[in-house]
Amino acid sequence: MPPILRAAAFAGLLAFPAGAEVPQVVTDTPVVQSLVTTVMGDLAEPMLLLDRGADAHDFQLRPSQVRALAGADLVIWIGPELAPWLDRALQAGVEGEAIALLNTPGTRLRSFGGTLAAGEEAGHDHAGTDPHAWLDPSNLAVWIGRIADALSALDPGNATLYRANAALAQTRLETLDHALAERLAPASGKGLVFAHDAFGYFADRYGLTVAGSLAEGDATDPGAAHVAGLRARAEAGEVACAFPEAGRDPRGIERLVAETPARLGRPLDPEGRETAPGPDLHAAVLESLAAAIADCLAGD
């Protein structure tokens, strides 16, 4: 385990005896499931809808998952901006509460291609909102607090556990955040190209320069003019590194940087598709992004 992740690993969660029936929780993505697992500790394991390797933007629920959603005490998800398939299922009716984390007050939101006006926070019009907000660890800390609040309201007998686990997780996220900032400081000003426009939160947090993205949205294919523009930037030396992405065809990025000064980084996994589910996953996602960027830029 890399030193940064070791320092930030979410181990040793408190385990108190349950004082009431533990809520049945359903989550959408591996990152959200990781956050909820961190807060719940050993009391119960929240259900994860997305299979390992599945695409959060395009997924079809199985009948057993639809039934689990309908009977859940609590559904915690990113929001319809990332998972319209889950939005449709929730609109069909669920017994319990559903929390879209992008709506959490205090969440730092950005639009695709830039920050929202005046640092706009959650609770406003989300048209054009970039949903990949978990790549800013300050948002994860806010979400952990909201998850603890929701679980405590449903299960007051275990509220002390939920809040203690949340506080511990938030402290460790702060430690990880400082470590990542230090590791990525040498990357400042060096142009990075990504497979799709999913890394704005991470770049904003750590002062990275995004020279462009091959696909400009989650469901868009790059146009010829857009690709040619990125290729010209790579040939001109304005791109230090370009990164494929887990679950996406790497050949477009490979062709983009072939025979240019830009280096090809290893595939990134912003959604945790290829990471083992569990309480450490959300920290592992952030650490792996930083490691891949730092390693590609090493010696630049």
Protein backbone atom coordinates (compact mmCIF):
# COMPACT_ATOMS: atom_id res chain seq x y z
CA MET A 1 0.00 0.00 0.00
CA PRO A 2 1.43 3.42 -0.94
CA PRO A 3 2.54 5.58 2.01
CA ILE A 4 -0.09 8.26 1.42
CA LEU A 5 -2.92 5.74 1.30
CA ARG A 6 -1.51 3.91 4.31
CA ALA A 7 -1.61 7.14 6.29
CA ALA A 8 -5.16 7.83 5.16
CA ALA A 9 -6.58 4.31 5.27
CA PHE A 10 -9.88 4.10 7.05
CA ALA A 11 -9.00 1.38 9.54
CA GLY A 12 -9.94 0.80 13.12
CA LEU A 13 -13.51 2.07 12.84
CA LEU A 14 -15.37 2.11 16.13
CA ALA A 15 -17.70 -0.80 16.78
CA PHE A 16 -20.42 -0.30 19.37
CA PRO A 17 -23.30 -2.72 19.95
CA ALA A 18 -26.43 -1.86 18.04
CA GLY A 19 -29.13 -0.24 20.11
CA ALA A 20 -31.84 -0.50 17.44
CA GLU A 21 -32.50 -2.14 14.12
CA VAL A 22 -29.83 -0.96 11.71
CA PRO A 23 -31.23 0.74 8.58
CA GLN A 24 -31.09 -1.05 5.25
CA VAL A 25 -29.11 1.26 2.99
CA VAL A 26 -28.73 1.11 -0.79
CA THR A 27 -26.00 3.07 -2.62
CA ASP A 28 -25.34 3.74 -6.27
CA THR A 29 -21.56 3.94 -6.85
CA PRO A 30 -18.51 2.34 -5.22
CA VAL A 31 -17.42 5.72 -3.82
CA VAL A 32 -20.78 6.35 -2.15
CA GLN A 33 -20.87 2.80 -0.82
CA SER A 34 -17.39 3.36 0.60
CA LEU A 35 -18.49 6.51 2.42
CA VAL A 36 -21.54 4.82 3.92
CA THR A 37 -19.49 1.77 4.94
CA THR A 38 -17.05 4.07 6.69
CA VAL A 39 -19.83 5.66 8.73
CA MET A 40 -21.68 2.42 9.52
CA GLY A 41 -18.58 0.51 10.57
CA ASP A 42 -19.29 -3.11 11.40
CA LEU A 43 -23.02 -2.63 11.99
CA ALA A 44 -24.07 -3.50 8.44
CA GLU A 45 -22.87 -3.40 4.85
CA PRO A 46 -24.78 -1.06 2.54
CA MET A 47 -25.88 -2.53 -0.76
CA LEU A 48 -23.96 -1.42 -3.86
CA LEU A 49 -26.01 -1.29 -7.06
CA LEU A 50 -23.18 -0.94 -9.55
CA ASP A 51 -21.34 -4.15 -10.29
CA ARG A 52 -17.57 -3.98 -10.31
CA GLY A 53 -16.53 -2.46 -13.63
CA ALA A 54 -20.02 -1.10 -14.40
CA ASP A 55 -20.50 2.38 -15.84
CA ALA A 56 -22.21 4.76 -13.43
CA HIS A 57 -23.53 6.85 -16.33
CA ASP A 58 -25.26 3.98 -18.13
CA PHE A 59 -26.63 1.08 -16.09
CA GLN A 60 -29.73 -1.06 -16.04
CA LEU A 61 -31.12 -2.30 -12.74
CA ARG A 62 -31.90 -5.97 -12.28
CA PRO A 63 -35.33 -6.91 -10.85
CA SER A 64 -33.73 -7.91 -7.52
CA GLN A 65 -32.13 -4.47 -7.28
CA VAL A 66 -35.42 -2.74 -8.01
CA ARG A 67 -36.99 -4.71 -5.14
CA ALA A 68 -34.11 -3.78 -2.82
CA LEU A 69 -34.56 -0.12 -3.68
CA ALA A 70 -38.29 -0.27 -3.04
CA GLY A 71 -37.76 -1.76 0.43
CA ALA A 72 -34.72 0.24 1.53
CA ASP A 73 -34.84 2.47 4.58
CA LEU A 74 -32.36 4.84 2.97
CA VAL A 75 -31.02 5.32 -0.56
CA ILE A 76 -27.85 7.40 -0.86
CA TRP A 77 -26.68 8.36 -4.33
CA ILE A 78 -24.79 11.07 -6.19
CA GLY A 79 -27.82 12.43 -8.02
CA PRO A 80 -29.60 12.36 -11.38
CA GLU A 81 -26.74 14.30 -13.00
CA LEU A 82 -24.65 11.11 -12.78
CA ALA A 83 -27.24 8.33 -12.69
CA PRO A 84 -30.49 9.10 -14.55
CA TRP A 85 -31.24 5.39 -14.50
CA LEU A 86 -31.57 5.52 -10.72
CA ASP A 87 -33.60 8.72 -10.86
CA ARG A 88 -36.20 6.92 -12.94
CA ALA A 89 -36.33 4.04 -10.47
CA LEU A 90 -36.72 6.36 -7.49
CA GLN A 91 -39.52 8.26 -9.17
CA ALA A 92 -41.37 4.96 -9.44
CA GLY A 93 -41.53 4.96 -5.65
CA VAL A 94 -39.46 3.82 -2.67
CA GLU A 95 -40.51 3.31 0.94
CA GLY A 96 -37.55 5.04 2.55
CA GLU A 97 -35.70 8.33 2.24
CA ALA A 98 -33.49 9.08 -0.77
CA ILE A 99 -30.55 11.46 -0.43
CA ALA A 100 -28.84 12.93 -3.51
CA LEU A 101 -25.41 13.94 -2.23
CA LEU A 102 -24.96 16.68 -4.82
CA ASN A 103 -27.81 18.50 -3.05
CA THR A 104 -25.99 18.54 0.28
CA PRO A 105 -25.49 22.10 1.55
CA GLY A 106 -21.81 22.99 1.52
CA THR A 107 -20.98 20.86 -1.52
CA ARG A 108 -18.63 22.67 -3.89
CA LEU A 109 -20.10 22.34 -7.38
CA ARG A 110 -18.70 23.18 -10.77
CA SER A 111 -20.05 23.13 -14.28
CA PHE A 112 -18.40 21.19 -17.07
CA GLY A 113 -15.52 23.36 -18.19
CA GLY A 114 -15.40 25.65 -15.15
CA THR A 115 -16.60 26.55 -11.66
CA LEU A 116 -20.14 27.75 -11.10
CA ALA A 117 -20.64 31.46 -10.63
CA ALA A 118 -19.42 32.84 -7.30
CA GLY A 119 -18.51 29.39 -6.02
CA GLU A 120 -22.16 28.39 -6.12
CA GLU A 121 -23.06 25.61 -3.71
CA ALA A 122 -25.61 22.84 -3.82
CA GLY A 123 -29.29 23.70 -3.75
CA HIS A 124 -29.29 25.78 -6.94
CA ASP A 125 -30.12 24.91 -10.53
CA HIS A 126 -27.93 21.94 -11.48
CA ALA A 127 -28.24 22.28 -15.26
CA GLY A 128 -24.80 21.54 -16.66
CA THR A 129 -23.39 20.53 -13.27
CA ASP A 130 -20.33 18.31 -13.37
CA PRO A 131 -21.39 15.37 -11.15
CA HIS A 132 -17.88 14.08 -10.36
CA ALA A 133 -17.83 16.07 -7.11
CA TRP A 134 -16.33 13.22 -5.06
CA LEU A 135 -12.93 14.03 -6.61
CA ASP A 136 -12.71 17.01 -4.26
CA PRO A 137 -12.04 15.57 -0.78
CA SER A 138 -13.69 18.55 0.88
CA ASN A 139 -16.95 17.38 -0.68
CA LEU A 140 -16.40 13.88 0.68
CA ALA A 141 -16.01 15.32 4.17
CA VAL A 142 -19.29 17.22 3.80
CA TRP A 143 -21.07 14.14 2.50
CA ILE A 144 -19.78 11.96 5.34
CA GLY A 145 -21.35 14.39 7.78
CA ARG A 146 -24.68 14.24 6.00
CA ILE A 147 -24.60 10.44 5.87
CA ALA A 148 -23.98 10.32 9.62
CA ASP A 149 -26.86 12.71 10.22
CA ALA A 150 -29.25 10.64 8.10
CA LEU A 151 -28.28 7.36 9.75
CA SER A 152 -28.51 8.91 13.22
CA ALA A 153 -32.03 10.15 12.51
CA LEU A 154 -33.14 6.67 11.43
CA ASP A 155 -31.21 4.81 14.11
CA PRO A 156 -30.68 7.07 17.14
CA GLY A 157 -29.48 4.14 19.25
CA ASN A 158 -26.32 4.02 17.14
CA ALA A 159 -25.95 7.76 16.60
CA THR A 160 -22.81 7.92 18.74
CA LEU A 161 -21.15 5.32 16.53
CA TYR A 162 -22.15 7.00 13.28
CA ARG A 163 -20.94 10.42 14.39
CA ALA A 164 -17.69 9.10 15.84
CA ASN A 165 -16.88 7.17 12.67
CA ALA A 166 -17.73 10.22 10.59
CA ALA A 167 -15.46 12.48 12.63
CA LEU A 168 -12.59 10.00 12.34
CA ALA A 169 -13.10 9.69 8.59
CA GLN A 170 -13.19 13.47 8.14
CA THR A 171 -9.91 13.86 10.05
CA ARG A 172 -8.23 11.23 7.90
CA LEU A 173 -9.55 12.84 4.75
CA GLU A 174 -7.98 16.11 5.83
CA THR A 175 -4.65 14.33 6.32
CA LEU A 176 -4.93 12.75 2.89
CA ASP A 177 -5.84 16.08 1.31
CA HIS A 178 -2.68 17.72 2.66
CA ALA A 179 -0.55 14.80 1.49
CA LEU A 180 -2.00 14.88 -2.02
CA ALA A 181 -1.50 18.64 -2.27
CA GLU A 182 2.17 18.20 -1.39
CA ARG A 183 2.63 15.35 -3.84
CA LEU A 184 0.97 17.23 -6.70
CA ALA A 185 2.66 20.59 -6.13
CA PRO A 186 5.34 19.86 -8.79
CA ALA A 187 2.54 19.30 -11.36
CA SER A 188 1.46 22.94 -11.28
CA GLY A 189 1.42 24.54 -14.71
CA LYS A 190 1.96 21.30 -16.66
CA GLY A 191 -0.74 20.55 -19.20
CA LEU A 192 -2.76 17.37 -18.67
CA VAL A 193 -5.20 15.72 -21.05
CA PHE A 194 -7.82 13.24 -19.86
CA ALA A 195 -10.05 10.75 -21.63
CA HIS A 196 -13.18 12.68 -20.68
CA ASP A 197 -14.15 15.79 -18.74
CA ALA A 198 -14.36 14.18 -15.30
CA PHE A 199 -11.36 15.60 -13.46
CA GLY A 200 -12.22 19.26 -13.01
CA TYR A 201 -12.85 18.95 -9.28
CA PHE A 202 -9.52 17.21 -8.74
CA ALA A 203 -7.70 19.76 -10.89
CA ASP A 204 -9.35 22.70 -9.13
CA ARG A 205 -8.50 21.30 -5.71
CA TYR A 206 -4.81 20.74 -6.45
CA GLY A 207 -4.06 23.53 -8.91
CA LEU A 208 -3.61 21.28 -11.94
CA THR A 209 -3.76 22.54 -15.53
CA VAL A 210 -6.24 20.69 -17.74
CA ALA A 211 -5.10 21.17 -21.32
CA GLY A 212 -8.20 19.40 -22.56
CA SER A 213 -10.29 16.24 -22.54
CA LEU A 214 -10.74 13.88 -25.46
CA ALA A 215 -14.48 13.59 -24.78
CA GLU A 216 -16.03 16.80 -23.51
CA GLY A 217 -18.86 15.10 -21.60
CA ASP A 218 -19.85 11.75 -20.17
CA ALA A 219 -21.83 10.63 -23.21
CA THR A 220 -20.19 12.51 -26.06
CA ASP A 221 -17.77 11.31 -28.72
CA PRO A 222 -14.97 13.68 -29.71
CA GLY A 223 -15.35 15.56 -32.96
CA ALA A 224 -12.57 15.67 -35.55
CA ALA A 225 -11.88 19.37 -35.05
CA HIS A 226 -11.67 18.95 -31.28
CA VAL A 227 -9.23 16.05 -31.60
CA ALA A 228 -7.13 17.98 -34.11
CA GLY A 229 -6.91 20.90 -31.70
CA LEU A 230 -5.73 18.69 -28.86
CA ARG A 231 -3.24 17.00 -31.17
CA ALA A 232 -1.82 20.38 -32.17
CA ARG A 233 -1.38 21.30 -28.50
CA ALA A 234 0.44 18.02 -27.86
CA GLU A 235 2.71 18.55 -30.85
CA ALA A 236 3.48 22.07 -29.63
CA GLY A 237 4.62 20.76 -26.26
CA GLU A 238 1.63 22.15 -24.34
CA VAL A 239 0.65 18.71 -23.05
CA ALA A 240 2.94 17.02 -20.54
CA CYS A 241 0.86 13.88 -19.99
CA ALA A 242 -2.31 12.29 -21.33
CA PHE A 243 -4.28 9.62 -19.50
CA PRO A 244 -6.56 6.81 -20.67
CA GLU A 245 -9.40 5.83 -18.36
CA ALA A 246 -10.65 2.56 -16.93
CA GLY A 247 -13.61 1.28 -18.90
CA ARG A 248 -12.86 3.43 -21.96
CA ASP A 249 -11.07 2.52 -25.16
CA PRO A 250 -7.48 3.79 -24.71
CA ARG A 251 -6.70 4.01 -28.42
CA GLY A 252 -7.95 7.57 -28.83
CA ILE A 253 -5.58 8.87 -26.15
CA GLU A 254 -2.76 6.71 -27.49
CA ARG A 255 -3.17 8.13 -31.00
CA LEU A 256 -3.44 11.66 -29.61
CA VAL A 257 0.05 11.63 -28.10
CA ALA A 258 1.84 9.26 -30.49
CA GLU A 259 5.04 10.85 -31.83
CA THR A 260 4.54 14.01 -29.74
CA PRO A 261 6.49 15.25 -26.70
CA ALA A 262 3.54 14.31 -24.47
CA ARG A 263 3.84 11.17 -22.36
CA LEU A 264 1.15 8.52 -21.98
CA GLY A 265 0.14 7.98 -18.37
CA ARG A 266 -1.42 4.87 -16.94
CA PRO A 267 -5.22 4.52 -16.99
CA LEU A 268 -7.13 6.47 -14.35
CA ASP A 269 -10.10 5.09 -12.41
CA PRO A 270 -12.07 8.08 -11.09
CA GLU A 271 -15.16 6.02 -10.21
CA GLY A 272 -13.36 3.17 -8.44
CA ARG A 273 -14.51 0.63 -11.02
CA GLU A 274 -11.40 -1.51 -10.64
CA THR A 275 -10.87 -1.03 -6.91
CA ALA A 276 -12.10 -3.50 -4.30
CA PRO A 277 -15.27 -2.14 -2.63
CA GLY A 278 -15.06 -1.16 1.00
CA PRO A 279 -14.32 1.69 3.40
CA ASP A 280 -10.89 2.42 1.89
CA LEU A 281 -12.10 2.83 -1.69
CA HIS A 282 -12.83 6.57 -1.70
CA ALA A 283 -9.36 7.37 -0.36
CA ALA A 284 -7.78 4.88 -2.77
CA VAL A 285 -9.44 6.58 -5.75
CA LEU A 286 -7.95 9.96 -4.83
CA GLU A 287 -4.52 8.56 -4.02
CA SER A 288 -4.34 6.55 -7.24
CA LEU A 289 -5.13 9.63 -9.34
CA ALA A 290 -2.39 11.61 -7.63
CA ALA A 291 0.09 8.76 -7.98
CA ALA A 292 -0.60 8.31 -11.71
CA ILE A 293 -0.19 12.04 -12.42
CA ALA A 294 2.93 12.40 -10.29
CA ASP A 295 4.53 9.31 -11.78
CA CYS A 296 3.86 10.42 -15.36
CA LEU A 297 5.37 13.84 -14.68
CA ALA A 298 8.40 12.46 -12.84
CA GLY A 299 11.57 13.78 -14.41
CA ASP A 300 9.70 16.37 -16.49
